């Protein structure tokens, strides 16, 4: 499935970029007094033999014009000398960042399939842009560049299986808490005339804890089992953590409030324990505030 291929690419994109940039740097010399086009073409042919699964290899000048016909094993692909690619994202990013870059998946103009492009800007010894060497790779064939070992595959599948079982166990606890809280609430409604405030607090705490555990299960299942990448979804994970900690703080605050009422009525001499619990809730709230502040600073940086 296409979505699965995109998710897998996000997991391995840093390895792919490192590998392709290494190939460019090893086979094509940069920052020389004079950069010869035939030397770049020789380097591309070396990369062609090593990679094998590419769609196109081509060279752009500083204005984004193709200086050679695209190198490809598929004769149906059209990439002719003279075409201008200065509006393509890979050309713009390469000259802006002044380093080897790897794009996100996008539809290829030449083939119509999803590809990613690695672009390598070439400068002379005065820092002037001369050429940009590019390679297009079909998205569906990219995993072949970083084939994991057999043992790595077993370890990865075992890890996913363990997280799946743990997610099921936590979800079962979540359901039990929700059912117990709902039953407590139903019993309180059934005895409304003799309502005990303790039953209301108990139902609230159980349902709040169920919500907190459900958020945790969602984060674990989506990230570890389904394979959603952390760096891509750090904002989502960040929000899930805030919801989870917030739910715990709310549950503890309700418990502290209930304890204050109980101790005030039955055992005033033990009211200090309720104060300790309130102090603990306050500490958690301060910790959550610091977490939100510092993670916001990191994301902006």
Foldseek 3Di string as FASTA:
>chain_A
DVVLLLLVCVVCVVVLQVVVQVLCPVQAPAAAQDGDPVSNVVSVVVVCVVPVQFAWKFKAFPQQFTQAWTDGPDPQFGRHGGDGDCVPPQSVVCVVVVAWDKARWDQDPRPRATWIKIKGWHAYNVRDTTMIIMIIGGSVCVCVVPPDDPVVVVVLVVQLVVLVVVLVVLLVLLVVLQVVLVVLVVVQVVPVVPHDVVSVLSSLLSNLLSVLSVLVSVVSCVCRNVPRDCVVCVVVVLVSVLSNLVSVLVSLVSVLVVLCVVCVPPPVVPNVVSVVSVVVSVVSVVVSVVSVVVVVVVVVD
